[in-house]
Every structure is written in C-alpha cells, then in structure tokens.
Amino acid sequence: MLRCLVLAAALTLSACVTAQPTAGDPAAFRALVPDGAEAEVLADGFWWSEGPVWRPDEGDLLFSDVPRNTVYRWAEGDGLSVYLRPASRAFGSETPGETGSNGLILDAEGRLLLAGHGSRAVTRLDPGSFVQDVLADRFDGRRFNSPNDLVLAASGALYVTDPPYGLAGHDDSPEKEQPHNGVYRIDPDGTVTLLVDDLTRPNGVVLSPDGRTLVVANSDPERAVWMTYPVRADGSVGEGTLLFDATAWVREGRPGLPDGMAVDTEGNVFATGPGGVLVFSAGGAYLGTLETEKATANVTFGGPDGRTLFLTSSDRLLRVPVAARGLGW
C-alpha cells in the first residue's frame, strides 16, 4: 500500500492514497507504482484544482483553480503562489458560468497554452507581457462551449475537448452555440476541424507516444468511459473503440469521473476516474488504481527526472513518486 505522509507546515496536511490493483495486473502495476511510495499534500484549500503542467526549464508546476479564475504556481522551496489571475474571463463579467482556465499544457517553445472556460477559447500566454493570444474560439462560425483539455501533436496541431461545463446550465444554457460537445483539432494555421461529436462529456485527452492513438475520457456518470481513436497521417481520426467502462464504479459511489490523463514513456496511461487514478497499459489493459479520498480531476508527470506524479484532487495538490517516467523526459 502507498503510505500516508503528514507534512508539518502552517497547517498539518495529510493524504491517504492507496494502491489497489484488484481485478487488474498487480505485478505490472507494482512495476509502475512500487510499494512504499508516499503521497504528499503540497497545498490545499482550492475550490476545484485542475490542469497541472510541469515546466522543466523553470522547475515548477502550474495548475488551475477553475472557479477562482486563477492559475497557481508551486515549486520546491518556494511553495504556492499566484501565477495568473484572472486566468480566463475578466473579473467583473456578468456572463454566467465558470470563469477560469481548465487544462494547461506547454507548446514546443515552452509557452503556456490554456483551455479557457471563461474565455471559451484556447489561448497562448505571452511570457513577457502575460497577454493571452487566442488560437481558436469557434468552429463553423459558432463559439466553443468551454474548452476543457488539450494535447499537442508532433505536427504542432492541438487536440481539444469542448464539453459544456463552463456554461451555466451546461447543455441547457442559452449561451451554448454548438449543437454537440466535440473533440476538435486546431492546426498551426488556426484551422479548426471537428473530429468527434458523439461523446456527451468529452473531457481529458492524450496521445500515445507515437502519436497514432488519441485517448478521450467521457466524464458522464451515465457513460463513464475512455475511448481510443486511431490518428491518420493527415491528423484526422478513425472510428472510436472502447478502452474501459467505469460506469458501474460510478454507481457504486467511487468518487470522481473520467477526467484528465498523463502518459509515460512506455505508453501507459494514468487516467483520473472513479476512485482515483486508473492505470492502463499501452495495450489497453487495466492494471490497477491509485485510490484517492476525493474526486481527482487531473494528473501530470514532473520533477527533475519525470518520475513524480502530481495530482489535482478536488481541493488539494498532491504528489506521489512513481517508477514510471513521464513522456517527454
């Protein structure tokens, strides 16, 4: 089992995270998440933490608090600080719905890309001026719902999910312009292409190390699934295939839904979902779960060697050392 570590700080912070490979592959799971790993609470008190991204050049982690419209920075020795506020929609706006950013990633030049609930756009942050340039904010002349997560392909194209979570009333919002909740590709020239329109709540999105498979989480409690799509040479995708169905686990009351994901160098997928972080092999086999006390929204690899797993878990930021190494290290 993963042990619980208590950190002495201004407040005593603790987290209990356990490794549960039941009905999975215990040996393969332990090779990625060894016995004796300790879960640490690095910070807490957030409304809903999301979208963590490690910045290797700066040696720090950025993540969103969506309702608070803030991107926070955490670094060893420095602790927690505000990095960007407002993160998405300007303060004082009377438009209903969520105001902040959600998923965060870096582009090939290390610049921060944001999936903006409040702005209803995918933006790039200028590191000097802190001005956000809009990369895309609509498809077919209609505004996005609320971009949620994104992943960068080697071609420079972005794959983006667009559920209605940022809109007050979700699908019933009068502000909703798209007739679907889609998965899109944004090409480097700004062209937006709809790839998937039959998922009710497309959420987390990652690519396999070779870029040939797109994995999309569907955060619908009535269809809590992960789907895979073959990526063609032109960046389009083929027919989706079910990777894993966790709907029964949602009905059992396990906290969380299919949400953010991270991929290691071997193609294993660490996917937040009912119960915590589910681990799937590169071949699609379920290996086990890092069980968390609360719903966990997203996860990323970081640290000096890419062997630290950072979790945005409800109101907390956690880290767990693992044997797997994140893609890109």
Protein backbone atom coordinates (compact mmCIF):
# COMPACT_ATOMS: atom_id res chain seq x y z
CA MET A 1 0.00 0.00 0.00
CA LEU A 2 1.02 3.58 -0.52
CA ARG A 3 1.63 5.18 2.84
CA CYS A 4 0.11 8.45 4.02
CA LEU A 5 2.62 11.21 4.71
CA VAL A 6 1.89 14.08 7.08
CA LEU A 7 3.70 17.34 6.32
CA ALA A 8 4.37 19.90 9.02
CA ALA A 9 3.54 23.37 7.73
CA ALA A 10 1.36 26.29 8.74
CA LEU A 11 -1.36 23.68 8.82
CA THR A 12 -0.92 19.95 9.12
CA LEU A 13 -1.70 18.41 5.76
CA SER A 14 -2.27 14.74 5.16
CA ALA A 15 -3.44 12.49 2.36
CA CYS A 16 -4.24 8.83 2.21
CA VAL A 17 -3.70 7.32 -1.21
CA THR A 18 -3.67 3.56 -1.60
CA ALA A 19 -2.65 1.35 -4.50
CA GLN A 20 -5.42 -1.05 -5.43
CA PRO A 21 -4.63 -3.42 -8.30
CA THR A 22 -7.60 -5.70 -7.58
CA ALA A 23 -9.05 -7.10 -10.82
CA GLY A 24 -6.08 -5.64 -12.65
CA ASP A 25 -2.48 -6.84 -13.04
CA PRO A 26 -0.72 -6.47 -9.68
CA ALA A 27 2.78 -7.23 -10.94
CA ALA A 28 2.57 -4.78 -13.84
CA PHE A 29 1.00 -2.18 -11.57
CA ARG A 30 3.78 -2.52 -8.96
CA ALA A 31 6.38 -2.05 -11.68
CA LEU A 32 4.93 1.42 -12.26
CA VAL A 33 3.81 2.31 -8.72
CA PRO A 34 6.06 0.48 -6.24
CA ASP A 35 5.24 -0.39 -2.65
CA GLY A 36 6.41 2.22 -0.18
CA ALA A 37 5.58 5.27 -2.25
CA GLU A 38 4.24 8.13 -0.14
CA ALA A 39 1.51 10.58 -1.09
CA GLU A 40 2.13 14.17 -0.02
CA VAL A 41 -0.26 17.09 0.16
CA LEU A 42 1.64 20.05 -1.26
CA ALA A 43 -1.18 22.59 -0.91
CA ASP A 44 -4.90 22.62 -0.21
CA GLY A 45 -7.90 24.92 0.19
CA PHE A 46 -8.77 25.20 -3.51
CA TRP A 47 -12.30 25.23 -4.87
CA TRP A 48 -11.58 22.79 -7.71
CA SER A 49 -7.99 22.16 -8.77
CA GLU A 50 -7.32 21.16 -12.37
CA GLY A 51 -4.96 21.04 -15.32
CA PRO A 52 -1.47 20.58 -13.80
CA VAL A 53 1.56 21.04 -16.05
CA TRP A 54 5.23 20.73 -15.11
CA ARG A 55 7.64 23.30 -16.54
CA PRO A 56 11.04 21.61 -16.79
CA ASP A 57 13.02 24.78 -17.57
CA GLU A 58 11.58 26.59 -14.54
CA GLY A 59 11.39 23.50 -12.32
CA ASP A 60 7.87 24.31 -11.19
CA LEU A 61 4.26 23.23 -11.57
CA LEU A 62 1.34 25.33 -12.78
CA PHE A 63 -2.29 24.34 -12.23
CA SER A 64 -5.78 25.86 -12.43
CA ASP A 65 -8.39 26.57 -9.80
CA VAL A 66 -11.32 26.84 -12.19
CA PRO A 67 -13.94 28.60 -10.00
CA ARG A 68 -11.36 31.01 -8.58
CA ASN A 69 -10.20 32.01 -12.09
CA THR A 70 -6.59 31.53 -11.03
CA VAL A 71 -3.51 29.68 -12.23
CA TYR A 72 -1.26 28.82 -9.29
CA ARG A 73 2.44 28.06 -9.27
CA TRP A 74 4.07 25.54 -6.96
CA ALA A 75 7.81 24.98 -6.64
CA GLU A 76 10.01 23.11 -4.20
CA GLY A 77 11.33 25.58 -1.65
CA ASP A 78 9.00 28.35 -2.80
CA GLY A 79 5.68 26.69 -2.05
CA LEU A 80 2.47 28.07 -3.51
CA SER A 81 1.93 31.42 -5.24
CA VAL A 82 -0.47 33.04 -7.70
CA TYR A 83 0.86 32.88 -11.26
CA LEU A 84 -2.03 34.27 -13.32
CA ARG A 85 -5.25 35.99 -12.23
CA PRO A 86 -7.64 36.30 -13.94
CA ALA A 87 -6.80 33.11 -15.78
CA SER A 88 -9.57 33.27 -18.36
CA ARG A 89 -12.54 35.64 -18.15
CA ALA A 90 -12.04 39.20 -16.94
CA PHE A 91 -13.24 39.89 -13.42
CA GLY A 92 -16.50 41.81 -13.28
CA SER A 93 -18.07 39.98 -16.20
CA GLU A 94 -21.78 39.36 -15.75
CA THR A 95 -21.79 36.33 -18.06
CA PRO A 96 -22.90 33.31 -16.02
CA GLY A 97 -20.83 30.15 -15.79
CA GLU A 98 -17.31 29.19 -14.76
CA THR A 99 -14.69 31.88 -15.23
CA GLY A 100 -11.29 30.21 -15.06
CA SER A 101 -8.93 28.08 -17.09
CA ASN A 102 -9.00 24.29 -17.03
CA GLY A 103 -6.39 22.21 -18.84
CA LEU A 104 -2.87 23.61 -19.21
CA ILE A 105 -0.02 22.38 -21.41
CA LEU A 106 3.19 23.78 -22.90
CA ASP A 107 3.82 24.30 -26.58
CA ALA A 108 7.06 23.35 -28.34
CA GLU A 109 8.65 26.62 -27.22
CA GLY A 110 7.63 26.17 -23.60
CA ARG A 111 4.83 28.74 -23.69
CA LEU A 112 1.70 28.09 -21.65
CA LEU A 113 -1.45 27.06 -23.53
CA LEU A 114 -4.77 27.32 -21.70
CA ALA A 115 -8.16 25.72 -22.24
CA GLY A 116 -10.35 28.60 -21.10
CA HIS A 117 -13.78 28.00 -19.63
CA GLY A 118 -14.36 31.70 -19.10
CA SER A 119 -12.97 32.86 -22.43
CA ARG A 120 -14.46 29.89 -24.30
CA ALA A 121 -11.18 29.80 -26.19
CA VAL A 122 -7.82 28.10 -26.47
CA THR A 123 -5.17 30.70 -25.75
CA ARG A 124 -1.39 31.08 -25.58
CA LEU A 125 0.20 33.16 -22.84
CA ASP A 126 2.96 35.55 -23.85
CA PRO A 127 5.61 35.00 -21.14
CA GLY A 128 6.74 38.63 -21.27
CA SER A 129 3.52 40.62 -21.38
CA PHE A 130 1.24 37.94 -19.88
CA VAL A 131 -1.23 38.74 -22.65
CA GLN A 132 -3.22 35.75 -23.91
CA ASP A 133 -3.39 35.33 -27.67
CA VAL A 134 -6.45 33.44 -28.94
CA LEU A 135 -5.52 30.40 -31.01
CA ALA A 136 -9.14 29.39 -31.64
CA ASP A 137 -12.51 30.22 -30.11
CA ARG A 138 -15.09 28.88 -32.55
CA PHE A 139 -15.99 26.22 -35.08
CA ASP A 140 -18.22 26.71 -38.09
CA GLY A 141 -18.82 30.30 -37.02
CA ARG A 142 -20.13 29.32 -33.58
CA ARG A 143 -18.34 29.82 -30.27
CA PHE A 144 -16.87 26.86 -28.43
CA ASN A 145 -18.75 25.68 -25.35
CA SER A 146 -15.88 25.74 -22.83
CA PRO A 147 -12.57 24.16 -23.88
CA ASN A 148 -11.57 21.67 -21.22
CA ASP A 149 -8.34 19.87 -22.05
CA LEU A 150 -5.77 19.76 -24.82
CA VAL A 151 -2.77 17.84 -26.11
CA LEU A 152 -0.10 18.85 -28.61
CA ALA A 153 0.83 16.59 -31.53
CA ALA A 154 4.29 16.47 -33.09
CA SER A 155 2.84 18.24 -36.13
CA GLY A 156 2.00 21.26 -33.98
CA ALA A 157 -1.72 20.51 -34.13
CA LEU A 158 -3.74 20.69 -30.92
CA TYR A 159 -6.44 18.19 -29.99
CA VAL A 160 -9.03 19.86 -27.77
CA THR A 161 -12.14 18.70 -25.90
CA ASP A 162 -15.13 21.01 -25.55
CA PRO A 163 -17.80 19.92 -23.06
CA PRO A 164 -20.37 22.41 -21.69
CA TYR A 165 -19.09 22.50 -18.09
CA GLY A 166 -18.15 26.17 -18.19
CA LEU A 167 -21.66 27.22 -19.22
CA ALA A 168 -24.32 27.85 -16.58
CA GLY A 169 -26.90 25.15 -17.23
CA HIS A 170 -24.48 23.14 -19.38
CA ASP A 171 -26.39 21.80 -22.42
CA ASP A 172 -29.43 23.88 -21.46
CA SER A 173 -27.50 27.14 -21.40
CA PRO A 174 -28.81 29.82 -23.76
CA GLU A 175 -25.13 30.68 -24.32
CA LYS A 176 -24.44 27.29 -25.90
CA GLU A 177 -23.90 27.70 -29.65
CA GLN A 178 -22.52 24.32 -30.69
CA PRO A 179 -25.09 21.56 -31.31
CA HIS A 180 -22.65 18.98 -29.92
CA ASN A 181 -19.94 18.56 -27.30
CA GLY A 182 -16.98 17.95 -29.52
CA VAL A 183 -13.37 16.94 -29.87
CA TYR A 184 -11.51 19.23 -32.28
CA ARG A 185 -8.16 19.57 -34.00
CA ILE A 186 -6.65 23.05 -34.21
CA ASP A 187 -3.97 23.19 -36.89
CA PRO A 188 -0.97 25.55 -36.64
CA ASP A 189 -2.61 27.84 -39.21
CA GLY A 190 -5.70 28.16 -36.99
CA THR A 191 -7.97 25.84 -38.97
CA VAL A 192 -10.43 24.06 -36.66
CA THR A 193 -11.74 20.60 -37.57
CA LEU A 194 -14.43 18.67 -35.71
CA LEU A 195 -13.26 15.09 -35.12
CA VAL A 196 -15.74 13.57 -32.65
CA ASP A 197 -19.31 14.70 -31.96
CA ASP A 198 -20.94 11.70 -30.29
CA LEU A 199 -19.50 11.93 -26.76
CA THR A 200 -21.77 13.53 -24.21
CA ARG A 201 -18.98 14.93 -21.99
CA PRO A 202 -15.56 14.75 -23.73
CA ASN A 203 -13.00 15.71 -21.12
CA GLY A 204 -9.39 14.55 -20.74
CA VAL A 205 -7.36 13.93 -23.90
CA VAL A 206 -3.89 12.46 -24.55
CA LEU A 207 -1.88 10.99 -27.41
CA SER A 208 0.17 7.80 -27.40
CA PRO A 209 3.96 8.26 -27.61
CA ASP A 210 3.95 7.55 -31.35
CA GLY A 211 1.06 9.96 -31.91
CA ARG A 212 -1.04 7.30 -33.60
CA THR A 213 -3.71 6.89 -30.92
CA LEU A 214 -5.90 9.55 -29.32
CA VAL A 215 -7.45 8.73 -25.94
CA VAL A 216 -10.50 10.69 -24.79
CA ALA A 217 -12.23 10.49 -21.42
CA ASN A 218 -16.02 10.91 -21.27
CA SER A 219 -17.00 12.34 -17.88
CA ASP A 220 -20.68 11.39 -18.00
CA PRO A 221 -21.86 9.43 -14.93
CA GLU A 222 -24.27 7.56 -17.21
CA ARG A 223 -21.44 6.60 -19.59
CA ALA A 224 -18.16 6.93 -17.73
CA VAL A 225 -15.81 5.60 -20.39
CA TRP A 226 -12.48 6.11 -22.10
CA MET A 227 -12.35 5.86 -25.88
CA THR A 228 -9.41 5.42 -28.25
CA TYR A 229 -9.24 6.73 -31.82
CA PRO A 230 -6.65 5.88 -34.48
CA VAL A 231 -4.94 9.02 -35.74
CA ARG A 232 -4.42 9.09 -39.50
CA ALA A 233 -1.44 10.67 -41.25
CA ASP A 234 -3.44 13.82 -42.01
CA GLY A 235 -4.39 14.30 -38.34
CA SER A 236 -7.97 13.07 -38.70
CA VAL A 237 -9.18 10.17 -36.58
CA GLY A 238 -10.91 6.88 -37.34
CA GLU A 239 -13.75 5.14 -35.56
CA GLY A 240 -13.58 5.07 -31.79
CA THR A 241 -13.03 1.93 -29.72
CA LEU A 242 -13.96 1.47 -26.06
CA LEU A 243 -10.89 1.34 -23.84
CA PHE A 244 -12.60 0.96 -20.45
CA ASP A 245 -16.06 1.40 -18.96
CA ALA A 246 -16.21 2.55 -15.33
CA THR A 247 -19.91 3.38 -15.22
CA ALA A 248 -20.58 0.63 -12.68
CA TRP A 249 -17.91 2.11 -10.40
CA VAL A 250 -19.64 5.48 -10.51
CA ARG A 251 -22.87 3.81 -9.46
CA GLU A 252 -21.02 2.17 -6.57
CA GLY A 253 -20.19 5.63 -5.29
CA ARG A 254 -16.49 5.77 -6.10
CA PRO A 255 -15.52 9.47 -6.17
CA GLY A 256 -14.73 11.08 -9.50
CA LEU A 257 -15.38 10.64 -13.21
CA PRO A 258 -13.15 10.01 -16.24
CA ASP A 259 -11.17 13.23 -16.49
CA GLY A 260 -7.54 14.25 -17.07
CA MET A 261 -4.75 11.87 -18.09
CA ALA A 262 -0.98 11.57 -18.44
CA VAL A 263 1.14 9.15 -20.47
CA ASP A 264 4.51 7.66 -19.56
CA THR A 265 7.39 6.87 -21.91
CA GLU A 266 6.15 3.32 -22.44
CA GLY A 267 2.64 4.40 -23.39
CA ASN A 268 0.95 3.50 -20.10
CA VAL A 269 -1.97 5.85 -19.37
CA PHE A 270 -2.56 7.30 -15.90
CA ALA A 271 -6.22 8.35 -16.02
CA THR A 272 -8.18 10.09 -13.30
CA GLY A 273 -11.58 8.48 -12.82
CA PRO A 274 -13.91 6.80 -10.33
CA GLY A 275 -11.85 6.05 -7.22
CA GLY A 276 -8.70 7.95 -8.12
CA VAL A 277 -6.11 7.36 -10.85
CA LEU A 278 -6.64 4.28 -13.03
CA VAL A 279 -3.60 2.89 -14.82
CA PHE A 280 -3.90 1.29 -18.27
CA SER A 281 -1.12 -0.43 -20.15
CA ALA A 282 -0.06 0.70 -23.61
CA GLY A 283 -2.06 -2.24 -24.91
CA GLY A 284 -5.21 -1.06 -23.15
CA ALA A 285 -5.27 -3.46 -20.18
CA TYR A 286 -6.44 -2.15 -16.80
CA LEU A 287 -3.58 -2.61 -14.30
CA GLY A 288 -4.82 -1.03 -11.07
CA THR A 289 -5.89 2.18 -9.33
CA LEU A 290 -4.29 4.74 -7.07
CA GLU A 291 -7.27 5.27 -4.81
CA THR A 292 -7.75 8.81 -3.51
CA GLU A 293 -10.07 10.05 -0.80
CA LYS A 294 -11.68 12.62 -3.09
CA ALA A 295 -12.55 13.09 -6.74
CA THR A 296 -9.33 13.62 -8.68
CA ALA A 297 -9.55 15.84 -11.74
CA ASN A 298 -6.18 15.62 -13.42
CA VAL A 299 -2.64 14.32 -13.25
CA THR A 300 0.77 15.01 -14.78
CA PHE A 301 4.35 13.82 -14.54
CA GLY A 302 7.04 16.17 -13.31
CA GLY A 303 10.03 16.64 -11.08
CA PRO A 304 13.69 16.61 -12.12
CA ASP A 305 13.52 13.15 -13.69
CA GLY A 306 9.84 12.91 -14.66
CA ARG A 307 9.13 10.24 -12.05
CA THR A 308 6.83 12.28 -9.83
CA LEU A 309 3.08 12.10 -10.34
CA PHE A 310 1.26 15.33 -9.46
CA LEU A 311 -2.49 15.06 -8.79
CA THR A 312 -5.07 17.84 -8.65
CA SER A 313 -7.55 16.15 -6.34
CA SER A 314 -10.61 18.24 -5.52
CA ASP A 315 -9.33 20.95 -3.14
CA ARG A 316 -5.75 19.62 -2.97
CA LEU A 317 -2.49 19.34 -4.86
CA LEU A 318 -0.74 16.01 -4.24
CA ARG A 319 2.44 14.31 -5.40
CA VAL A 320 3.43 10.65 -5.46
CA PRO A 321 6.84 9.29 -6.52
CA VAL A 322 6.49 6.51 -9.09
CA ALA A 323 8.72 4.22 -11.11
CA ALA A 324 7.17 5.28 -14.42
CA ARG A 325 8.69 8.21 -16.25
CA GLY A 326 6.51 10.79 -17.96
CA LEU A 327 6.51 11.18 -21.72
CA GLY A 328 8.98 13.85 -22.74
CA TRP A 329 11.74 13.02 -20.24
